[in-house]
Amino acid sequence: MGGKGAMMVAILCLWALSATSEAVVTEEEPGLMMNFYKDTCPQAEDIIREQVKLLYKRHKNTAFSWLRNIFHDCAVESCDASLLLDSTRRELGEKEHDRSFGLRNFRYIEEIKEALERECPGVVSCSDILVLSAREGIEAVGGPHIPLKTGRRDGRKSRTDMLESYLPDHNESISVVLEKFKSIGIDTPGLVALLGSHSVGRTHCVKLVHRLYPEVDPSLNPDHVPHMLHKCPDSIPDPKAVQYVRNDRGTPMVLDNNYYRNILDNKGLLLVDHQLAHDKRTRPIVKKMAKDQAYFFKEFTRAIQILSENNPLTGSKGEIRKQCNLANKIH
């Protein structure tokens, strides 16, 4: 082969190597997708669905826990199951923070994880379990079926130090609440719909006594106050005591638009409920949802989908935990 021919071969080889390297560098890792486990664990979503149904039959309040979990985990920077991590000697877990007051039933997440590990060891992430159990919990209390993508991986670190930056407090102004939701892509109708979760479950007296003592908040419906005082007789309630008020006395176990009628009638338990019904930015949406459950469900579905896809770990990021309350040991 002549000098020019050899040089041409060398150039072509270098070009091919460069193109291959570039392809490797620019190749994107798979993100979230529908039916992510169809090949690696085809029964995953069915197992989660059946486990949630079984647990709901035994303990009705688990559905409310599933629903709160997705908000408290996914709204805090990333949907990566950091909420489920136990505290360590060096770090307080998110579930121990004041903003997580009342969160419980984490042991049932572990039951679902154990069922999945028996079928497909080391495949399904705790963050996907958290998200899909929320979906099944929503259906269990009469809410819509929500198509959700999977493929999340689990974080290794609690985000307690930044929790207050992301999770709004029930006493914060509606402007602050709107801004915090906007930062993760949820608009005003989405926020109003998400707060419709207050249609189910209960509020501990710790969170609402400031509206009853030392004087009753004049914005409360006077017909509703005697019931609240009966349920919360102490101005300084014991956080460990079972003292609470049902969020919706009419349909307490059903996710429906009765919440919006209640808050328009000044029967909302939390300040954020009252503000939602009376702020000019949210009141028109509240009134529409009070009249139209289909509209509420449509916006609720959209908001849950956005929340569930907030900055997930996918591909080679994060890990698949062996236990949902503990990060894997790195050897």
Protein backbone atom coordinates (compact mmCIF):
# COMPACT_ATOMS: atom_id res chain seq x y z
CA MET A 1 0.00 0.00 0.00
CA GLY A 2 1.34 3.44 -0.95
CA GLY A 3 1.94 6.28 1.51
CA LYS A 4 -1.26 8.09 0.53
CA GLY A 5 -3.34 4.91 0.88
CA ALA A 6 -1.96 4.18 4.36
CA MET A 7 -2.61 7.73 5.43
CA MET A 8 -6.22 7.54 4.18
CA VAL A 9 -6.83 4.31 6.14
CA ALA A 10 -5.42 5.92 9.28
CA ILE A 11 -7.67 8.97 8.87
CA LEU A 12 -10.74 6.79 8.35
CA CYS A 13 -9.91 4.75 11.47
CA LEU A 14 -9.50 7.88 13.55
CA TRP A 15 -12.80 9.26 12.20
CA ALA A 16 -14.62 6.02 13.07
CA LEU A 17 -13.12 5.96 16.57
CA SER A 18 -14.07 9.60 17.10
CA ALA A 19 -17.65 8.99 15.92
CA THR A 20 -17.96 5.95 18.19
CA SER A 21 -16.65 7.86 21.19
CA GLU A 22 -19.00 10.74 20.48
CA ALA A 23 -21.94 8.33 20.25
CA VAL A 24 -21.02 6.88 23.64
CA VAL A 25 -20.76 10.31 25.22
CA THR A 26 -24.00 11.67 23.79
CA GLU A 27 -26.12 8.53 24.33
CA GLU A 28 -28.90 9.42 26.74
CA GLU A 29 -29.88 7.22 29.66
CA PRO A 30 -33.51 6.09 29.76
CA GLY A 31 -35.76 8.32 31.83
CA LEU A 32 -39.24 7.73 33.19
CA MET A 33 -41.62 5.77 30.97
CA MET A 34 -44.92 3.94 31.10
CA ASN A 35 -44.57 0.25 32.10
CA PHE A 36 -40.86 0.58 32.87
CA TYR A 37 -40.84 -2.88 34.53
CA LYS A 38 -42.63 -4.77 31.74
CA ASP A 39 -39.52 -6.87 30.99
CA THR A 40 -37.67 -6.91 34.32
CA CYS A 41 -40.65 -7.37 36.66
CA PRO A 42 -43.92 -7.61 34.70
CA GLN A 43 -46.03 -8.17 37.82
CA ALA A 44 -44.67 -5.13 39.69
CA GLU A 45 -47.65 -2.79 39.31
CA ASP A 46 -50.15 -5.61 39.95
CA ILE A 47 -48.30 -6.58 43.14
CA ILE A 48 -48.37 -3.00 44.40
CA ARG A 49 -52.07 -2.69 43.52
CA GLU A 50 -52.99 -5.91 45.36
CA GLN A 51 -50.88 -5.03 48.40
CA VAL A 52 -52.49 -1.60 48.69
CA LYS A 53 -55.96 -3.15 48.42
CA LEU A 54 -55.16 -5.70 51.14
CA LEU A 55 -53.71 -3.05 53.44
CA TYR A 56 -56.66 -0.73 52.83
CA LYS A 57 -59.09 -3.48 53.85
CA ARG A 58 -57.17 -3.91 57.11
CA HIS A 59 -56.47 -0.23 57.80
CA LYS A 60 -58.59 2.34 55.99
CA ASN A 61 -56.33 5.24 56.95
CA THR A 62 -53.44 3.81 54.90
CA ALA A 63 -54.94 5.46 51.79
CA PHE A 64 -54.43 8.90 53.33
CA SER A 65 -50.85 7.99 54.18
CA TRP A 66 -50.08 6.98 50.59
CA LEU A 67 -51.46 10.30 49.39
CA ARG A 68 -49.46 12.38 51.87
CA ASN A 69 -46.29 10.44 51.09
CA ILE A 70 -46.17 11.46 47.43
CA PHE A 71 -46.58 15.12 48.35
CA HIS A 72 -44.03 15.11 51.18
CA ASP A 73 -41.45 13.21 49.15
CA CYS A 74 -41.83 14.47 45.60
CA ALA A 75 -42.30 18.15 46.47
CA VAL A 76 -38.92 18.28 48.23
CA GLU A 77 -36.41 18.71 45.37
CA SER A 78 -36.73 15.18 43.96
CA CYS A 79 -39.11 12.24 43.82
CA ASP A 80 -36.51 9.80 45.19
CA ALA A 81 -37.99 8.27 48.38
CA SER A 82 -35.71 10.35 50.62
CA LEU A 83 -38.76 10.74 52.87
CA LEU A 84 -38.57 7.05 53.79
CA LEU A 85 -34.98 7.11 55.12
CA ASP A 86 -34.58 6.66 58.86
CA SER A 87 -32.63 9.17 60.93
CA THR A 88 -28.97 8.36 61.56
CA ARG A 89 -26.51 9.54 64.20
CA ARG A 90 -25.41 12.27 61.82
CA GLU A 91 -28.65 13.19 60.10
CA LEU A 92 -32.30 13.70 61.02
CA GLY A 93 -34.71 11.97 58.67
CA GLU A 94 -37.31 14.01 56.80
CA LYS A 95 -40.13 12.07 58.44
CA GLU A 96 -38.97 13.35 61.86
CA HIS A 97 -39.26 17.02 60.86
CA ASP A 98 -42.10 19.20 62.18
CA ARG A 99 -43.46 19.64 58.65
CA SER A 100 -43.93 15.85 58.51
CA PHE A 101 -46.07 15.77 61.66
CA GLY A 102 -48.74 13.09 61.42
CA LEU A 103 -47.06 11.03 58.68
CA ARG A 104 -47.25 7.35 59.53
CA ASN A 105 -47.73 3.82 58.18
CA PHE A 106 -44.24 3.69 56.67
CA ARG A 107 -44.02 0.04 57.73
CA TYR A 108 -46.59 -0.80 55.05
CA ILE A 109 -44.25 0.48 52.36
CA GLU A 110 -41.81 -2.13 53.65
CA GLU A 111 -44.49 -4.83 53.33
CA ILE A 112 -44.99 -3.92 49.68
CA LYS A 113 -41.22 -3.86 49.13
CA GLU A 114 -40.88 -7.35 50.66
CA ALA A 115 -43.60 -8.69 48.34
CA LEU A 116 -41.77 -7.24 45.33
CA GLU A 117 -38.40 -8.55 46.48
CA ARG A 118 -39.85 -12.07 46.62
CA GLU A 119 -40.94 -11.74 42.99
CA CYS A 120 -38.11 -9.63 41.52
CA PRO A 121 -35.16 -9.09 43.89
CA GLY A 122 -33.35 -5.78 43.51
CA VAL A 123 -35.48 -4.47 40.64
CA VAL A 124 -38.27 -2.15 41.83
CA SER A 125 -37.28 1.10 43.55
CA CYS A 126 -38.82 2.42 46.75
CA SER A 127 -39.55 5.71 44.97
CA ASP A 128 -41.70 3.89 42.41
CA ILE A 129 -43.44 1.99 45.22
CA LEU A 130 -44.16 5.31 46.95
CA VAL A 131 -45.60 6.86 43.78
CA LEU A 132 -47.65 3.86 42.66
CA SER A 133 -49.04 3.20 46.15
CA ALA A 134 -50.25 6.81 46.16
CA ARG A 135 -52.04 6.20 42.87
CA GLU A 136 -53.75 3.08 44.25
CA GLY A 137 -54.61 4.89 47.48
CA ILE A 138 -56.27 7.67 45.48
CA GLU A 139 -58.42 5.11 43.68
CA ALA A 140 -59.27 3.35 46.94
CA VAL A 141 -60.95 6.51 48.26
CA GLY A 142 -62.93 7.15 45.09
CA GLY A 143 -60.45 9.29 43.18
CA PRO A 144 -59.53 8.99 39.50
CA HIS A 145 -57.21 6.42 37.97
CA ILE A 146 -53.98 8.27 37.17
CA PRO A 147 -51.56 6.90 34.53
CA LEU A 148 -48.05 7.29 35.96
CA LYS A 149 -44.60 6.68 34.55
CA THR A 150 -42.03 4.56 36.37
CA GLY A 151 -38.28 4.09 36.31
CA ARG A 152 -37.28 6.19 39.33
CA ARG A 153 -34.28 5.25 41.43
CA ASP A 154 -33.73 5.88 45.10
CA GLY A 155 -31.67 8.65 46.66
CA ARG A 156 -29.14 8.01 49.39
CA LYS A 157 -29.54 11.20 51.37
CA SER A 158 -32.25 12.80 53.46
CA ARG A 159 -33.20 16.37 52.54
CA THR A 160 -34.27 17.55 55.98
CA ASP A 161 -32.10 20.66 55.79
CA MET A 162 -34.00 21.97 52.76
CA LEU A 163 -37.47 20.68 53.61
CA GLU A 164 -38.86 24.03 54.74
CA SER A 165 -37.69 25.65 51.51
CA TYR A 166 -39.94 23.35 49.48
CA LEU A 167 -42.85 22.28 51.69
CA PRO A 168 -45.29 25.09 52.51
CA ASP A 169 -46.65 25.30 56.03
CA HIS A 170 -50.41 25.42 56.56
CA ASN A 171 -50.03 28.87 58.18
CA GLU A 172 -48.12 30.45 55.29
CA SER A 173 -49.79 32.92 52.97
CA ILE A 174 -51.44 31.66 49.80
CA SER A 175 -48.86 33.68 47.83
CA VAL A 176 -46.03 31.64 49.36
CA VAL A 177 -47.90 28.39 48.73
CA LEU A 178 -48.56 29.32 45.09
CA GLU A 179 -44.91 30.24 44.58
CA LYS A 180 -43.59 27.00 46.05
CA PHE A 181 -45.83 24.89 43.84
CA LYS A 182 -44.99 27.00 40.81
CA SER A 183 -41.30 26.25 41.38
CA ILE A 184 -41.96 22.56 40.63
CA GLY A 185 -44.20 23.24 37.63
CA ILE A 186 -47.64 23.17 39.25
CA ASP A 187 -49.86 26.08 38.26
CA THR A 188 -52.76 27.65 40.16
CA PRO A 189 -55.49 25.18 39.06
CA GLY A 190 -53.08 22.35 39.91
CA LEU A 191 -52.47 23.74 43.39
CA VAL A 192 -56.20 24.15 44.05
CA ALA A 193 -56.76 20.57 42.92
CA LEU A 194 -53.93 19.14 45.06
CA LEU A 195 -55.31 20.84 48.15
CA GLY A 196 -58.51 18.95 47.39
CA SER A 197 -56.68 16.08 49.09
CA HIS A 198 -57.96 17.72 52.27
CA SER A 199 -61.29 16.19 51.32
CA VAL A 200 -60.16 12.98 53.05
CA GLY A 201 -58.39 12.18 56.29
CA ARG A 202 -58.15 14.29 59.39
CA THR A 203 -56.27 17.19 60.92
CA HIS A 204 -54.65 16.88 64.34
CA CYS A 205 -55.70 19.48 66.88
CA VAL A 206 -52.08 20.65 67.12
CA LYS A 207 -52.47 22.13 63.64
CA LEU A 208 -55.68 24.05 64.23
CA VAL A 209 -56.02 25.11 67.90
CA HIS A 210 -54.62 28.54 67.06
CA ARG A 211 -57.93 29.14 65.29
CA LEU A 212 -59.89 28.22 68.42
CA TYR A 213 -57.84 29.57 71.34
CA PRO A 214 -57.62 32.00 73.07
CA GLU A 215 -60.41 33.28 70.82
CA VAL A 216 -62.26 31.66 67.97
CA ASP A 217 -61.21 32.84 64.52
CA PRO A 218 -64.17 34.98 63.36
CA SER A 219 -63.74 33.74 59.78
CA LEU A 220 -64.82 30.22 60.84
CA ASN A 221 -68.41 29.19 60.21
CA PRO A 222 -70.05 29.55 63.66
CA ASP A 223 -72.09 26.40 63.07
CA HIS A 224 -68.89 24.40 62.65
CA VAL A 225 -67.06 25.77 65.70
CA PRO A 226 -68.83 23.70 68.43
CA HIS A 227 -67.77 20.48 66.69
CA MET A 228 -64.17 21.67 66.44
CA LEU A 229 -64.12 22.69 70.11
CA HIS A 230 -65.60 19.32 71.10
CA LYS A 231 -62.86 17.48 69.20
CA CYS A 232 -60.10 19.85 70.38
CA PRO A 233 -60.95 20.73 74.02
CA ASP A 234 -57.37 21.69 74.98
CA SER A 235 -55.60 24.86 73.93
CA ILE A 236 -52.28 23.00 74.11
CA PRO A 237 -53.07 19.49 72.85
CA ASP A 238 -50.78 16.54 73.39
CA PRO A 239 -49.15 15.79 69.99
CA LYS A 240 -49.21 12.06 70.83
CA ALA A 241 -52.88 12.03 71.78
CA VAL A 242 -55.56 10.95 69.31
CA GLN A 243 -57.17 14.37 69.05
CA TYR A 244 -58.25 15.35 65.57
CA VAL A 245 -61.05 16.71 63.41
CA ARG A 246 -62.20 15.05 60.20
CA ASN A 247 -61.40 17.25 57.22
CA ASP A 248 -64.82 16.62 55.74
CA ARG A 249 -67.64 15.50 58.02
CA GLY A 250 -69.96 14.78 55.09
CA THR A 251 -67.81 12.33 53.09
CA PRO A 252 -64.69 11.80 55.24
CA MET A 253 -63.51 8.67 53.41
CA VAL A 254 -64.15 9.86 49.85
CA LEU A 255 -61.94 12.04 47.64
CA ASP A 256 -64.50 14.35 46.10
CA ASN A 257 -65.32 18.01 45.48
CA ASN A 258 -67.23 18.40 48.75
CA TYR A 259 -64.05 19.98 50.15
CA TYR A 260 -64.56 23.01 47.92
CA ARG A 261 -68.15 23.49 49.03
CA ASN A 262 -66.98 23.25 52.63
CA ILE A 263 -64.30 25.90 52.32
CA LEU A 264 -66.65 28.26 50.47
CA ASP A 265 -68.91 27.82 53.50
CA ASN A 266 -65.97 28.72 55.82
CA LYS A 267 -65.63 25.18 57.18
CA GLY A 268 -62.00 24.71 56.20
CA LEU A 269 -59.89 23.62 59.17
CA LEU A 270 -56.56 25.14 58.14
CA LEU A 271 -55.73 28.74 57.31
CA VAL A 272 -54.59 27.68 53.85
CA ASP A 273 -58.09 26.23 53.23
CA HIS A 274 -59.68 29.53 54.17
CA GLN A 275 -57.27 31.53 52.01
CA LEU A 276 -57.82 29.22 49.06
CA ALA A 277 -61.55 29.96 49.13
CA HIS A 278 -61.18 33.73 49.42
CA ASP A 279 -58.06 34.78 47.51
CA LYS A 280 -58.96 36.35 44.17
CA ARG A 281 -56.46 34.15 42.33
CA THR A 282 -57.89 30.87 43.58
CA ARG A 283 -61.54 31.55 44.48
CA PRO A 284 -62.87 31.28 40.87
CA ILE A 285 -61.18 27.88 40.52
CA VAL A 286 -62.52 26.73 43.91
CA LYS A 287 -66.04 27.71 42.83
CA LYS A 288 -65.66 25.84 39.54
CA MET A 289 -64.39 22.69 41.27
CA ALA A 290 -67.21 22.90 43.82
CA LYS A 291 -69.67 22.61 40.93
CA ASP A 292 -67.76 20.27 38.63
CA GLN A 293 -66.10 17.13 40.04
CA ALA A 294 -64.89 16.06 36.58
CA TYR A 295 -62.92 19.32 36.32
CA PHE A 296 -61.47 18.74 39.81
CA PHE A 297 -60.39 15.20 38.85
CA LYS A 298 -58.86 16.39 35.56
CA GLU A 299 -56.71 19.03 37.26
CA PHE A 300 -55.91 16.69 40.16
CA THR A 301 -54.69 14.01 37.74
CA ARG A 302 -52.49 16.51 35.90
CA ALA A 303 -51.03 17.88 39.15
CA ILE A 304 -50.21 14.42 40.53
CA GLN A 305 -48.47 13.52 37.27
CA ILE A 306 -46.34 16.67 37.40
CA LEU A 307 -45.54 16.10 41.07
CA SER A 308 -44.58 12.46 40.49
CA GLU A 309 -42.12 13.46 37.75
CA ASN A 310 -40.35 16.15 39.74
CA ASN A 311 -36.59 15.82 39.15
CA PRO A 312 -36.37 12.01 39.49
CA LEU A 313 -33.17 9.96 39.63
CA THR A 314 -33.04 7.64 36.60
CA GLY A 315 -30.59 5.55 34.62
CA SER A 316 -27.35 5.13 36.56
CA LYS A 317 -28.18 7.78 39.18
CA GLY A 318 -29.20 6.72 42.68
CA GLU A 319 -29.77 3.09 43.60
CA ILE A 320 -32.42 0.42 44.17
CA ARG A 321 -32.63 0.11 47.95
CA LYS A 322 -32.86 -3.31 49.55
CA GLN A 323 -34.90 -1.78 52.38
CA CYS A 324 -36.84 1.41 51.89
CA ASN A 325 -35.84 2.93 55.23
CA LEU A 326 -32.10 2.42 54.71
CA ALA A 327 -29.64 3.41 52.01
CA ASN A 328 -27.61 0.46 50.72
CA LYS A 329 -24.23 -0.11 52.26
CA ILE A 330 -21.34 0.81 49.97
CA HIS A 331 -18.55 -1.74 50.20
